[in-house]
Amino acid sequence: MNTYSRNPKIEILPEHIIDQIKAGEVLERPASLVKELIENSIDAGSDEINIHLIENGMDLLSIEDNGHGMTFQNLPYAFLRHATSKLKSFEDLYRLRSFGFRGEALASVAASARVTCTSQPLDLSLEGGRLIINGGVQEVLISQKQTNHGTSLFIKDLFFNTPARLKFIKSKISEKAALKKMLYAFVLSNPQINFSIKWDDKEKEIFKSVIIGEELIRIEQVFFTKSISSNEKHIWWSSEEYENYRVDIYFTPTTHSSPQYRHHYLFANNRYFQDKSFHQTILRNIDPLWRYGESGHYVVKISTPPEDLDVNVHPNKTQIKFFKPDVIYSLLVSAIRSSIKRNKKEITEFQAQPSQVHFEQNTLMNRDQNQIFDLQAFSEQRSSYDKTSIHNHSLNFQPPTQSSPDQLCLIGHISPQIILIAKDHKFFIAKVNALYAKYISIACNLFITNDESARPLLISEPFKISKGKIDQNFEQLKLFGFELDRLNAEVVALRTLPNFVPQSLAREITLTLLQYFENSKVNTFDERSFIQYIINHWGFENDMTQSMLEQFINVIGFEENEHIVKLQDKNLQAFFK
């Protein structure tokens, strides 16, 4: 029932509430704050930026630079809303040559946290100052001189004054991943700047500046860990130009199966942005090179006239509109294809190499431990999960519909784990558990890549699983949309599900992932080990239906799928091994 009066009085909101509302729009999470503050440091002409984060910036986020700084008189104005030195007229919005321009970032953080700012102007004879603001209230403003120019910001207890925002902060793993993504974006797009990044009490990551023309050194430092040998550090580069537009792309021929180890970056005039259509265009055109279902690293740098770029689309400025998007797409596709063509001889070599995995190889089963999948001995060698007689499923065929012979059609089950499929007047066989494993793996990766949200369950689903190693993987599962709470030493409750999980398979898919993490000795999800584990140890316990098959194939694809084999004599022997 509506409790408001029929003719409510319209009143102007108090300034402190306006500040908190705007803070929620501009500063969605620690990563968006880091973005705004580093942009200010770059606009200030800094060539050295030092960053320190404690508890992913929630407890402390400090940024110190050696930019031109602020005088004592200008310092308090920097924390007023819509106060900026970068815009003088409306037309300036469409020829931006700076990163920040709205004058909202510092005002937003001051309204949400405890802020201490110290600044010294470039002219050391002028007075700088020190300002302390707690939750939007100025507490200290004093003048002082320092021996070095620049600005230092120390932000403590982020969102303490807007506690409602804390509910929307994601898991520690997710927040740290977002922070790393943003920090590395600046490291990649500003090779002329020295960066140092310190997480909690760990050793600093140092990124020394490189001169123009040697940007590849900085890209290698971000793309590859120190443990990777120099002969594995392959990056292909290509560039295309048209009129005042230019596109440069750097990408690796090697791939990764785990999304948390991939680096995908798009820049326009050195400004980091996100765009799913650009991402999909890149994946489609590098498809001949990258392994199916996996991807490597890439950096795309777009140069365009400032007036052909609109960054004033969204408060966080990570969405961009281009005046001539078709030109950019054409240059991007041309650059990718020319690079692949130029390195055509090397493609077979890279595709033959195993993808990079991030756990010890001995965590995978050896060949002797794997079951031999033989059709004649299938009923004798079946895993303990399947107690149903094979005769209940064998030759359970349904004739394909005559109205749509070219469509994918499930004919029936040859055995509990092998199905017969018809498509384009041809017959194929497939391992159900392999399709099931591939579907979960790709869907989980897409969930992270697309930054999707999980759906809460009206009634939590309980699972009987003892407290132990699995509890260490709850954050990893939450990253994929499966939020679990431990109720007692023997039972956990499932609170949320990702949208890719149909309700009919919710329990089975969750249990699959739980047992994978519990039994496979891995610390992070890896597509290859997951699929191998399911094939060897897990049976898809539901009879495959036409709708399930279509859902699986829509995600994993039908063409070039190693788990679907055309009925030809030469293929059958390899299929049943």
Protein backbone atom coordinates (compact mmCIF):
# COMPACT_ATOMS: atom_id res chain seq x y z
CA MET A 1 0.00 0.00 0.00
CA ASN A 2 1.29 3.47 -0.89
CA THR A 3 1.90 5.43 2.32
CA TYR A 4 2.65 8.73 0.55
CA SER A 5 0.06 11.47 0.54
CA ARG A 6 -1.81 12.21 -2.65
CA ASN A 7 -0.20 15.64 -3.02
CA PRO A 8 3.28 15.37 -1.47
CA LYS A 9 5.35 18.49 -1.06
CA ILE A 10 8.38 18.68 -3.32
CA GLU A 11 11.53 19.64 -1.42
CA ILE A 12 15.16 20.09 -2.33
CA LEU A 13 17.39 17.35 -0.96
CA PRO A 14 20.02 18.33 1.62
CA GLU A 15 23.55 18.62 0.24
CA HIS A 16 24.91 15.67 2.25
CA ILE A 17 22.28 13.33 0.78
CA ILE A 18 22.99 14.64 -2.73
CA ASP A 19 26.69 13.94 -2.15
CA GLN A 20 25.97 10.37 -1.02
CA ILE A 21 23.72 9.72 -4.03
CA LYS A 22 26.35 11.01 -6.44
CA ALA A 23 29.00 8.99 -4.64
CA GLY A 24 27.02 5.85 -5.39
CA GLU A 25 26.81 6.76 -9.08
CA VAL A 26 30.49 7.57 -9.56
CA LEU A 27 32.13 5.15 -7.08
CA GLU A 28 30.48 1.77 -7.53
CA ARG A 29 33.39 -0.20 -6.08
CA PRO A 30 37.08 0.28 -5.15
CA ALA A 31 38.16 -0.28 -8.77
CA SER A 32 36.11 2.71 -9.98
CA LEU A 33 37.72 4.91 -7.30
CA VAL A 34 41.22 3.78 -8.29
CA LYS A 35 40.39 4.67 -11.87
CA GLU A 36 39.30 8.21 -11.02
CA LEU A 37 42.30 8.92 -8.77
CA ILE A 38 44.94 7.61 -11.19
CA GLU A 39 43.36 9.64 -13.97
CA ASN A 40 43.78 12.75 -11.81
CA SER A 41 47.44 11.89 -11.24
CA ILE A 42 48.05 11.42 -14.97
CA ASP A 43 46.28 14.69 -15.78
CA ALA A 44 48.59 16.35 -13.25
CA GLY A 45 51.60 15.39 -15.37
CA SER A 46 52.95 12.71 -13.03
CA ASP A 47 55.68 10.38 -14.20
CA GLU A 48 55.68 8.36 -10.96
CA ILE A 49 52.61 6.94 -9.22
CA ASN A 50 52.75 4.74 -6.11
CA ILE A 51 49.66 2.80 -5.03
CA HIS A 52 49.04 0.88 -1.80
CA LEU A 53 45.87 -1.11 -1.08
CA ILE A 54 44.86 -2.85 2.14
CA GLU A 55 41.90 -5.23 2.05
CA ASN A 56 41.34 -4.36 -1.63
CA GLY A 57 41.14 -0.66 -0.79
CA MET A 58 38.30 -1.02 1.69
CA ASP A 59 40.58 -0.36 4.70
CA LEU A 60 43.17 1.83 2.98
CA LEU A 61 43.76 3.12 -0.51
CA SER A 62 46.69 5.46 -0.95
CA ILE A 63 47.94 7.07 -4.15
CA GLU A 64 51.03 9.27 -4.21
CA ASP A 65 52.26 11.07 -7.33
CA ASN A 66 54.84 13.66 -8.36
CA GLY A 67 52.49 15.77 -10.46
CA HIS A 68 52.14 19.55 -10.49
CA GLY A 69 50.18 19.50 -7.23
CA MET A 70 47.86 22.17 -5.79
CA THR A 71 48.32 25.34 -3.85
CA PHE A 72 46.81 25.86 -0.41
CA GLN A 73 44.12 28.10 -1.94
CA ASN A 74 43.11 25.52 -4.60
CA LEU A 75 43.18 22.44 -2.38
CA PRO A 76 39.67 22.73 -0.82
CA TYR A 77 38.11 23.50 -4.21
CA ALA A 78 39.30 20.13 -5.52
CA PHE A 79 36.80 18.44 -3.18
CA LEU A 80 33.80 20.52 -4.25
CA ARG A 81 31.36 18.95 -6.68
CA HIS A 82 31.58 20.06 -10.31
CA ALA A 83 34.84 21.92 -9.63
CA THR A 84 37.34 21.22 -12.40
CA SER A 85 40.29 22.83 -14.15
CA LYS A 86 39.74 20.87 -17.36
CA LEU A 87 36.56 22.34 -18.86
CA LYS A 88 35.90 25.96 -19.75
CA SER A 89 33.02 25.59 -22.22
CA PHE A 90 30.44 23.05 -23.39
CA GLU A 91 32.43 22.42 -26.57
CA ASP A 92 35.35 21.15 -24.47
CA LEU A 93 33.30 18.02 -23.70
CA TYR A 94 33.74 16.90 -27.31
CA ARG A 95 37.45 17.55 -27.65
CA LEU A 96 38.73 16.15 -24.39
CA ARG A 97 42.47 15.88 -23.96
CA SER A 98 42.31 14.94 -20.27
CA PHE A 99 40.94 11.90 -18.42
CA GLY A 100 39.00 13.59 -15.62
CA PHE A 101 36.64 16.45 -16.36
CA ARG A 102 33.48 16.25 -14.25
CA GLY A 103 34.94 17.22 -10.90
CA GLU A 104 32.98 14.53 -9.06
CA ALA A 105 35.50 11.86 -8.00
CA LEU A 106 37.10 13.64 -5.04
CA ALA A 107 33.76 15.03 -3.85
CA SER A 108 32.26 11.53 -4.01
CA VAL A 109 35.03 9.83 -2.07
CA ALA A 110 35.03 12.62 0.52
CA ALA A 111 31.33 11.99 1.10
CA SER A 112 31.87 8.24 1.55
CA ALA A 113 35.16 7.78 3.40
CA ARG A 114 37.86 9.33 5.61
CA VAL A 115 40.22 11.27 3.37
CA THR A 116 43.59 12.90 3.99
CA CYS A 117 45.08 14.86 1.10
CA THR A 118 48.49 16.53 1.08
CA SER A 119 49.63 18.52 -1.94
CA GLN A 120 52.59 20.69 -2.94
CA PRO A 121 52.59 22.74 -6.18
CA LEU A 122 55.31 22.49 -8.80
CA ASP A 123 56.63 25.88 -7.72
CA LEU A 124 58.14 24.90 -4.37
CA SER A 125 58.16 28.54 -3.25
CA LEU A 126 54.35 28.44 -3.08
CA GLU A 127 52.46 27.02 -0.14
CA GLY A 128 50.81 23.65 -0.41
CA GLY A 129 48.37 22.27 2.11
CA ARG A 130 46.92 19.40 4.07
CA LEU A 131 43.19 18.64 4.14
CA ILE A 132 41.26 16.06 6.20
CA ILE A 133 37.62 15.25 5.41
CA ASN A 134 35.55 12.59 7.21
CA GLY A 135 32.24 11.62 5.64
CA GLY A 136 31.85 14.92 3.82
CA VAL A 137 32.78 17.06 6.82
CA GLN A 138 35.97 19.12 6.59
CA GLU A 139 37.95 18.72 9.81
CA VAL A 140 41.45 20.04 9.05
CA LEU A 141 42.80 22.50 6.49
CA ILE A 142 46.31 23.82 7.07
CA SER A 143 49.00 25.31 4.87
CA GLN A 144 52.40 23.68 4.66
CA LYS A 145 55.41 23.47 2.39
CA GLN A 146 57.11 20.27 1.28
CA THR A 147 60.39 19.58 -0.43
CA ASN A 148 58.82 17.57 -3.29
CA HIS A 149 55.93 18.54 -5.52
CA GLY A 150 52.96 16.25 -6.01
CA THR A 151 49.83 15.01 -4.27
CA SER A 152 49.25 12.23 -1.74
CA LEU A 153 45.78 10.83 -1.04
CA PHE A 154 45.07 8.47 1.85
CA ILE A 155 41.55 7.07 1.88
CA LYS A 156 40.44 4.97 4.84
CA ASP A 157 37.22 3.06 5.61
CA LEU A 158 35.74 3.34 2.13
CA PHE A 159 31.90 3.60 2.18
CA PHE A 160 31.77 3.91 6.01
CA ASN A 161 29.40 6.87 5.55
CA THR A 162 27.31 5.07 2.92
CA PRO A 163 26.97 1.57 4.43
CA ALA A 164 24.21 0.62 1.97
CA ARG A 165 26.90 0.47 -0.73
CA LEU A 166 28.71 -2.30 1.15
CA LYS A 167 25.92 -4.76 0.32
CA PHE A 168 26.82 -4.47 -3.35
CA ILE A 169 30.54 -5.09 -2.90
CA LYS A 170 31.33 -8.48 -4.42
CA SER A 171 33.58 -11.23 -3.06
CA LYS A 172 37.23 -10.48 -2.26
CA ILE A 173 38.31 -12.49 -5.29
CA SER A 174 36.00 -10.55 -7.59
CA GLU A 175 36.95 -7.14 -6.16
CA LYS A 176 40.66 -7.89 -6.38
CA ALA A 177 40.25 -9.07 -9.97
CA ALA A 178 38.47 -5.81 -10.84
CA LEU A 179 41.21 -3.77 -9.14
CA LYS A 180 43.97 -5.65 -10.96
CA LYS A 181 42.17 -5.17 -14.25
CA MET A 182 41.96 -1.42 -13.70
CA LEU A 183 45.51 -1.01 -12.40
CA TYR A 184 47.03 -3.01 -15.25
CA ALA A 185 44.97 -0.97 -17.71
CA PHE A 186 46.83 2.16 -16.61
CA VAL A 187 50.15 0.34 -16.55
CA LEU A 188 49.61 -0.75 -20.16
CA SER A 189 48.28 2.54 -21.50
CA ASN A 190 50.94 4.71 -19.83
CA PRO A 191 54.33 3.07 -20.41
CA GLN A 192 56.06 6.44 -19.85
CA ILE A 193 55.04 6.43 -16.15
CA ASN A 194 56.74 4.56 -13.31
CA PHE A 195 54.16 2.57 -11.34
CA SER A 196 54.50 0.71 -8.06
CA ILE A 197 51.60 -1.36 -6.68
CA LYS A 198 51.57 -2.82 -3.18
CA TRP A 199 48.88 -5.23 -1.92
CA ASP A 200 48.54 -5.36 1.88
CA ASP A 201 51.99 -6.24 3.25
CA LYS A 202 53.23 -8.03 0.13
CA GLU A 203 56.20 -7.03 -1.98
CA LYS A 204 55.63 -4.16 -4.41
CA GLU A 205 55.06 -4.74 -8.10
CA ILE A 206 57.41 -2.36 -9.91
CA PHE A 207 56.75 -1.22 -13.48
CA LYS A 208 59.59 0.98 -14.70
CA SER A 209 58.92 3.45 -17.47
CA VAL A 210 59.85 2.57 -21.04
CA ILE A 211 60.54 4.91 -23.93
CA ILE A 212 58.24 5.32 -26.92
CA GLY A 213 58.68 2.40 -29.30
CA GLU A 214 59.45 -0.11 -26.54
CA GLU A 215 55.90 -0.54 -25.22
CA LEU A 216 56.21 -4.27 -25.84
CA ILE A 217 58.43 -4.54 -22.74
CA ARG A 218 55.61 -3.21 -20.53
CA ILE A 219 53.03 -5.45 -22.20
CA GLU A 220 55.21 -8.54 -21.62
CA GLN A 221 55.57 -7.59 -17.96
CA VAL A 222 51.79 -7.54 -17.53
CA PHE A 223 50.97 -10.54 -19.73
CA PHE A 224 53.55 -12.98 -18.42
CA THR A 225 54.53 -14.05 -14.91
CA LYS A 226 58.19 -14.23 -13.86
CA SER A 227 58.04 -18.04 -13.95
CA ILE A 228 57.44 -18.09 -17.71
CA SER A 229 60.65 -18.50 -19.69
CA SER A 230 61.64 -15.91 -22.27
CA ASN A 231 61.15 -18.31 -25.20
CA GLU A 232 57.46 -18.68 -24.22
CA LYS A 233 56.82 -14.94 -24.29
CA HIS A 234 55.30 -14.62 -27.73
CA ILE A 235 53.32 -11.48 -28.65
CA TRP A 236 52.13 -10.70 -32.14
CA TRP A 237 51.59 -7.09 -33.13
CA SER A 238 49.81 -5.49 -36.04
CA SER A 239 48.65 -2.00 -36.98
CA GLU A 240 46.29 -0.45 -39.52
CA GLU A 241 45.63 3.22 -40.36
CA TYR A 242 43.00 5.14 -42.30
CA GLU A 243 42.85 8.93 -42.45
CA ASN A 244 43.08 10.09 -38.81
CA TYR A 245 42.27 6.67 -37.33
CA ARG A 246 44.74 4.03 -36.22
CA VAL A 247 44.32 0.63 -34.54
CA ASP A 248 47.16 -1.32 -32.91
CA ILE A 249 46.60 -4.81 -31.56
CA TYR A 250 48.98 -6.92 -29.47
CA PHE A 251 47.94 -10.52 -28.78
CA THR A 252 49.43 -13.84 -27.79
CA PRO A 253 49.25 -16.97 -29.95
CA THR A 254 49.20 -19.09 -26.78
CA THR A 255 45.96 -19.49 -24.82
CA HIS A 256 44.63 -19.91 -21.29
CA SER A 257 41.70 -22.02 -20.19
CA SER A 258 41.04 -20.03 -16.97
CA PRO A 259 39.54 -16.54 -17.37
CA GLN A 260 41.22 -15.12 -14.27
CA TYR A 261 44.59 -15.46 -16.01
CA ARG A 262 43.61 -13.66 -19.18
CA HIS A 263 44.34 -10.04 -20.02
CA HIS A 264 41.84 -8.37 -22.38
CA TYR A 265 42.18 -4.60 -22.76
CA LEU A 266 40.64 -1.99 -25.04
CA PHE A 267 41.91 1.60 -25.17
CA ALA A 268 40.70 4.64 -27.11
CA ASN A 269 43.12 7.57 -27.05
CA ASN A 270 44.78 5.82 -24.09
CA ARG A 271 41.45 5.72 -22.22
CA TYR A 272 40.44 2.25 -21.00
CA PHE A 273 36.93 1.20 -22.05
CA GLN A 274 34.74 -1.89 -22.20
CA ASP A 275 32.71 -3.03 -25.19
CA LYS A 276 31.32 -6.55 -25.71
CA SER A 277 30.95 -6.13 -29.46
CA PHE A 278 34.65 -5.27 -29.86
CA HIS A 279 35.55 -8.21 -27.64
CA GLN A 280 33.44 -10.62 -29.69
CA THR A 281 34.92 -9.27 -32.93
CA ILE A 282 38.42 -9.98 -31.64
CA LEU A 283 37.53 -13.50 -30.50
CA ARG A 284 35.86 -14.34 -33.81
CA ASN A 285 38.80 -13.19 -35.90
CA ILE A 286 41.53 -14.79 -33.79
CA ASP A 287 39.53 -18.03 -33.76
CA PRO A 288 41.79 -19.76 -36.36
CA LEU A 289 44.70 -19.32 -33.96
CA TRP A 290 43.34 -19.78 -30.43
CA ARG A 291 42.25 -23.14 -29.09
CA TYR A 292 38.52 -23.75 -29.12
CA GLY A 293 36.93 -22.60 -25.86
CA GLU A 294 40.10 -20.82 -24.73
CA SER A 295 41.62 -17.41 -25.36
CA GLY A 296 44.91 -15.63 -25.01
CA HIS A 297 45.84 -12.07 -24.04
CA TYR A 298 45.19 -9.00 -26.15
CA VAL A 299 45.61 -5.22 -26.00
CA VAL A 300 43.90 -2.99 -28.55
CA LYS A 301 44.88 0.67 -28.82
CA ILE A 302 42.63 2.92 -30.88
CA SER A 303 43.70 6.42 -31.91
CA THR A 304 41.00 8.78 -33.09
CA PRO A 305 40.50 12.56 -33.25
CA PRO A 306 39.25 13.75 -29.82
CA GLU A 307 36.13 15.29 -31.37
CA ASP A 308 35.15 11.86 -32.80
CA LEU A 309 34.99 10.30 -29.34
CA ASP A 310 32.21 10.72 -26.76
CA VAL A 311 33.26 9.56 -23.28
CA ASN A 312 30.42 11.38 -21.51
CA VAL A 313 28.13 8.35 -21.82
CA HIS A 314 28.27 6.84 -18.33
CA PRO A 315 29.45 8.18 -14.93
CA ASN A 316 32.28 5.66 -14.72
CA LYS A 317 33.54 6.67 -18.21
CA THR A 318 34.27 3.07 -19.28
CA GLN A 319 31.67 3.19 -22.05
CA ILE A 320 32.51 5.11 -25.19
CA LYS A 321 30.76 6.16 -28.38
CA PHE A 322 32.70 6.50 -31.63
CA PHE A 323 31.71 8.84 -34.42
CA LYS A 324 32.87 6.30 -37.05
CA PRO A 325 32.66 2.84 -35.43
CA ASP A 326 32.59 1.06 -38.80
CA VAL A 327 36.02 2.42 -39.68
CA ILE A 328 37.44 1.19 -36.37
CA TYR A 329 35.90 -2.28 -36.73
CA SER A 330 37.33 -2.57 -40.25
CA LEU A 331 40.80 -1.53 -39.12
CA LEU A 332 40.66 -3.93 -36.17
CA VAL A 333 39.64 -6.92 -38.29
CA SER A 334 42.23 -6.07 -40.94
CA ALA A 335 44.99 -5.79 -38.33
CA ILE A 336 44.15 -9.19 -36.82
CA ARG A 337 43.92 -10.96 -40.15
CA SER A 338 47.15 -9.48 -41.48
CA SER A 339 49.00 -10.54 -38.32
CA ILE A 340 47.67 -14.10 -38.56
CA LYS A 341 48.52 -14.25 -42.26
CA ARG A 342 52.01 -12.94 -41.60
CA ASN A 343 52.61 -15.60 -38.92
CA LYS A 344 50.78 -18.41 -40.71
CA LYS A 345 53.71 -20.84 -40.50
CA GLU A 346 53.79 -20.56 -36.71
CA ILE A 347 50.06 -21.22 -36.12
CA THR A 348 50.31 -25.01 -36.31
CA GLU A 349 53.21 -24.97 -33.87
CA PHE A 350 51.30 -22.96 -31.25
CA GLN A 351 48.10 -24.96 -31.63
CA ALA A 352 50.05 -28.14 -30.98
CA GLN A 353 51.37 -26.84 -27.68
CA PRO A 354 49.36 -27.48 -24.51
CA SER A 355 47.60 -24.47 -23.07
CA GLN A 356 49.12 -22.85 -20.03
CA VAL A 357 47.76 -24.29 -16.80
CA HIS A 358 48.23 -22.89 -13.32
CA PHE A 359 48.63 -25.94 -11.09
CA GLU A 360 51.10 -28.76 -10.88
CA GLN A 361 50.79 -31.34 -13.62
CA ASN A 362 50.72 -34.20 -11.12
CA THR A 363 47.25 -33.10 -10.05
CA LEU A 364 45.93 -34.68 -13.26
CA MET A 365 45.21 -38.40 -13.38
CA ASN A 366 47.76 -40.49 -15.21
CA ARG A 367 46.77 -42.71 -18.10
CA ASP A 368 46.70 -45.88 -15.99
CA GLN A 369 44.17 -44.32 -13.64
CA ASN A 370 41.83 -43.42 -16.47
CA GLN A 371 39.06 -45.85 -17.32
CA ILE A 372 39.16 -47.37 -20.78
CA PHE A 373 35.92 -46.43 -22.51
CA ASP A 374 35.05 -49.54 -24.48
CA LEU A 375 31.51 -50.14 -25.73
CA GLN A 376 31.60 -53.94 -25.36
CA ALA A 377 32.92 -53.82 -21.80
CA PHE A 378 30.95 -50.72 -20.88
CA SER A 379 28.58 -52.44 -18.43
CA GLU A 380 31.53 -54.05 -16.59
CA GLN A 381 33.69 -50.94 -16.36
CA ARG A 382 31.09 -48.36 -15.46
CA SER A 383 31.84 -45.92 -12.63
CA SER A 384 30.21 -46.38 -9.25
CA TYR A 385 27.95 -43.35 -9.80
CA ASP A 386 25.71 -45.18 -12.31
CA LYS A 387 23.72 -48.05 -10.82
CA THR A 388 21.10 -48.21 -13.54
CA SER A 389 21.20 -51.15 -15.92
CA ILE A 390 22.55 -50.30 -19.33
CA HIS A 391 19.64 -52.18 -20.88
CA ASN A 392 17.26 -49.53 -19.59
CA HIS A 393 18.88 -47.05 -21.95
CA SER A 394 20.28 -49.05 -24.85
CA LEU A 395 18.69 -48.49 -28.24
CA ASN A 396 16.24 -45.99 -26.78
CA PHE A 397 15.79 -44.33 -30.18
CA GLN A 398 13.23 -41.81 -31.41
CA PRO A 399 12.87 -41.12 -35.14
CA PRO A 400 13.93 -37.61 -36.22
CA THR A 401 11.16 -35.23 -37.16
CA GLN A 402 10.56 -35.15 -40.89
CA SER A 403 9.67 -31.46 -40.89
CA SER A 404 13.18 -30.28 -39.94
CA PRO A 405 15.83 -32.79 -41.14
CA ASP A 406 18.60 -30.15 -41.11
CA GLN A 407 18.17 -29.25 -37.45
CA LEU A 408 20.02 -30.84 -34.55
CA CYS A 409 18.00 -33.81 -33.31
CA LEU A 410 18.55 -36.21 -30.42
CA ILE A 411 17.77 -39.72 -31.72
CA GLY A 412 18.30 -41.53 -28.42
CA HIS A 413 20.73 -43.22 -26.02
CA ILE A 414 23.10 -45.98 -27.10
CA SER A 415 24.15 -46.28 -23.44
CA PRO A 416 23.77 -44.12 -20.32
CA GLN A 417 26.69 -41.94 -21.41
CA ILE A 418 26.56 -42.13 -25.22
CA ILE A 419 23.87 -40.56 -27.39
CA LEU A 420 23.07 -40.65 -31.09
CA ILE A 421 22.47 -37.30 -32.83
CA ALA A 422 21.21 -36.41 -36.30
CA LYS A 423 22.13 -33.19 -38.10
CA ASP A 424 22.14 -32.23 -41.77
CA HIS A 425 21.13 -35.81 -42.78
CA LYS A 426 24.21 -37.15 -40.98
CA PHE A 427 24.57 -39.15 -37.75
CA PHE A 428 26.88 -38.40 -34.84
CA ILE A 429 27.64 -39.92 -31.46
CA ALA A 430 28.60 -37.98 -28.35
CA LYS A 431 29.63 -38.61 -24.76
CA VAL A 432 27.01 -37.07 -22.52
CA ASN A 433 29.32 -36.40 -19.59
CA ALA A 434 31.87 -34.71 -21.89
CA LEU A 435 29.20 -32.37 -23.33
CA TYR A 436 27.99 -31.70 -19.80
CA ALA A 437 31.50 -30.87 -18.55
CA LYS A 438 32.26 -28.64 -21.55
CA TYR A 439 28.98 -26.78 -21.08
CA ILE A 440 29.65 -26.02 -17.41
CA SER A 441 33.23 -24.98 -18.09
CA ILE A 442 32.46 -22.54 -20.92
CA ALA A 443 29.38 -21.17 -19.12
CA CYS A 444 31.42 -20.50 -15.96
CA ASN A 445 34.08 -18.68 -17.98
CA LEU A 446 31.43 -16.58 -19.76
CA PHE A 447 29.85 -15.73 -16.40
CA ILE A 448 33.11 -14.10 -15.27
CA THR A 449 34.02 -12.57 -18.63
CA ASN A 450 30.61 -10.89 -19.00
CA ASP A 451 30.55 -9.86 -15.31
CA GLU A 452 27.10 -11.42 -14.92
CA SER A 453 25.05 -11.45 -11.72
CA ALA A 454 23.75 -14.50 -9.90
CA ARG A 455 20.07 -14.99 -9.06
CA PRO A 456 19.11 -15.56 -5.41
CA LEU A 457 17.18 -18.73 -4.54
CA LEU A 458 13.85 -18.30 -2.80
CA ILE A 459 14.55 -21.51 -0.90
CA SER A 460 18.19 -22.38 -0.20
CA GLU A 461 19.35 -25.77 -1.41
CA PRO A 462 21.20 -27.89 1.22
CA PHE A 463 24.17 -30.13 0.40
CA LYS A 464 25.69 -32.67 2.75
CA ILE A 465 29.42 -32.13 2.50
CA SER A 466 31.83 -32.23 5.43
CA LYS A 467 33.88 -29.23 6.45
CA GLY A 468 37.38 -29.34 5.03
CA LYS A 469 39.27 -28.49 1.86
CA ILE A 470 36.09 -27.55 -0.02
CA ASP A 471 35.52 -24.57 2.29
CA GLN A 472 38.62 -22.95 0.83
CA ASN A 473 36.96 -22.94 -2.59
CA PHE A 474 33.72 -21.17 -1.61
CA GLU A 475 35.10 -17.82 -2.86
CA GLN A 476 36.03 -19.45 -6.18
CA LEU A 477 32.53 -20.91 -6.53
CA LYS A 478 31.01 -17.53 -5.65
CA LEU A 479 33.01 -16.07 -8.53
CA PHE A 480 30.97 -18.33 -10.83
CA GLY A 481 27.64 -17.38 -9.18
CA PHE A 482 27.36 -20.26 -6.68
CA GLU A 483 27.21 -18.66 -3.23
CA LEU A 484 27.44 -21.21 -0.41
CA ASP A 485 27.09 -20.83 3.36
CA ARG A 486 28.17 -23.47 5.84
CA LEU A 487 25.34 -24.28 8.23
CA ASN A 488 27.25 -26.81 10.33
CA ALA A 489 30.17 -29.23 10.08
CA GLU A 490 28.23 -31.50 7.69
CA VAL A 491 25.89 -29.26 5.66
CA VAL A 492 26.25 -26.23 3.35
CA ALA A 493 23.43 -24.17 1.85
CA LEU A 494 23.34 -22.89 -1.73
CA ARG A 495 22.07 -19.27 -1.75
CA THR A 496 22.50 -18.14 -5.38
CA LEU A 497 22.78 -19.64 -8.85
CA PRO A 498 24.15 -18.22 -12.12
CA ASN A 499 21.59 -17.74 -14.88
CA PHE A 500 23.17 -20.38 -17.11
CA VAL A 501 22.08 -23.14 -14.70
CA PRO A 502 18.55 -24.38 -15.50
CA GLN A 503 16.45 -25.14 -12.44
CA SER A 504 16.19 -28.81 -13.42
CA LEU A 505 20.00 -29.17 -13.29
CA ALA A 506 20.71 -26.82 -10.38
CA ARG A 507 21.48 -29.52 -7.85
CA GLU A 508 23.48 -31.71 -10.23
CA ILE A 509 25.69 -28.90 -11.58
CA THR A 510 26.38 -27.54 -8.10
CA LEU A 511 27.27 -30.99 -6.80
CA THR A 512 29.53 -31.53 -9.81
CA LEU A 513 31.56 -28.41 -9.03
CA LEU A 514 31.69 -29.21 -5.32
CA GLN A 515 33.07 -32.69 -5.94
CA TYR A 516 35.55 -31.38 -8.53
CA PHE A 517 37.09 -28.96 -6.03
CA GLU A 518 36.89 -31.52 -3.22
CA ASN A 519 38.57 -34.39 -5.05
CA SER A 520 40.75 -33.03 -7.86
CA LYS A 521 43.46 -31.35 -5.73
CA VAL A 522 43.28 -28.04 -7.64
CA ASN A 523 43.08 -24.63 -6.00
CA THR A 524 41.59 -22.74 -8.95
CA PHE A 525 39.20 -23.77 -11.68
CA ASP A 526 40.90 -25.02 -14.84
CA GLU A 527 38.88 -25.99 -17.90
CA ARG A 528 41.07 -28.87 -19.03
CA SER A 529 41.38 -30.58 -15.67
CA PHE A 530 37.66 -30.06 -15.00
CA ILE A 531 36.57 -31.72 -18.24
CA GLN A 532 39.01 -34.59 -17.72
CA TYR A 533 37.81 -35.07 -14.15
CA ILE A 534 34.14 -35.23 -15.20
CA ILE A 535 34.83 -37.63 -18.05
CA ASN A 536 36.72 -39.96 -15.73
CA HIS A 537 34.71 -39.69 -12.54
CA TRP A 538 31.29 -38.16 -13.01
CA GLY A 539 28.21 -39.37 -14.81
CA PHE A 540 25.45 -37.10 -16.04
CA GLU A 541 22.60 -38.63 -14.05
CA ASN A 542 19.68 -37.19 -16.05
CA ASP A 543 18.61 -38.67 -19.37
CA MET A 544 19.63 -36.20 -22.05
CA THR A 545 16.60 -34.48 -23.57
CA GLN A 546 16.28 -32.53 -26.80
CA SER A 547 16.05 -29.22 -24.93
CA MET A 548 19.14 -30.04 -22.82
CA LEU A 549 21.11 -30.98 -25.93
CA GLU A 550 20.16 -27.72 -27.65
CA GLN A 551 21.10 -25.70 -24.57
CA PHE A 552 24.49 -27.40 -24.31
CA ILE A 553 25.27 -27.06 -28.02
CA ASN A 554 24.23 -23.38 -28.09
CA VAL A 555 27.01 -22.66 -25.60
CA ILE A 556 29.77 -25.05 -26.66
CA GLY A 557 29.09 -25.16 -30.40
CA PHE A 558 28.62 -28.13 -32.73
CA GLU A 559 31.31 -27.66 -35.34
CA GLU A 560 34.86 -28.77 -34.46
CA ASN A 561 33.66 -30.22 -31.16
CA GLU A 562 36.02 -32.98 -30.09
CA HIS A 563 33.28 -34.63 -28.04
CA ILE A 564 30.94 -35.13 -31.04
CA VAL A 565 32.08 -37.61 -33.68
CA LYS A 566 30.56 -38.35 -37.05
CA LEU A 567 29.64 -42.00 -37.59
CA GLN A 568 32.58 -43.11 -39.72
CA ASP A 569 34.65 -46.25 -39.17
CA LYS A 570 37.91 -44.37 -38.90
CA ASN A 571 36.57 -42.21 -36.06
CA LEU A 572 35.00 -44.88 -33.88
CA GLN A 573 38.14 -46.48 -32.49
CA ALA A 574 39.52 -43.15 -31.24
CA PHE A 575 36.15 -42.17 -29.80
CA PHE A 576 35.87 -45.21 -27.53
CA LYS A 577 39.40 -45.02 -26.14
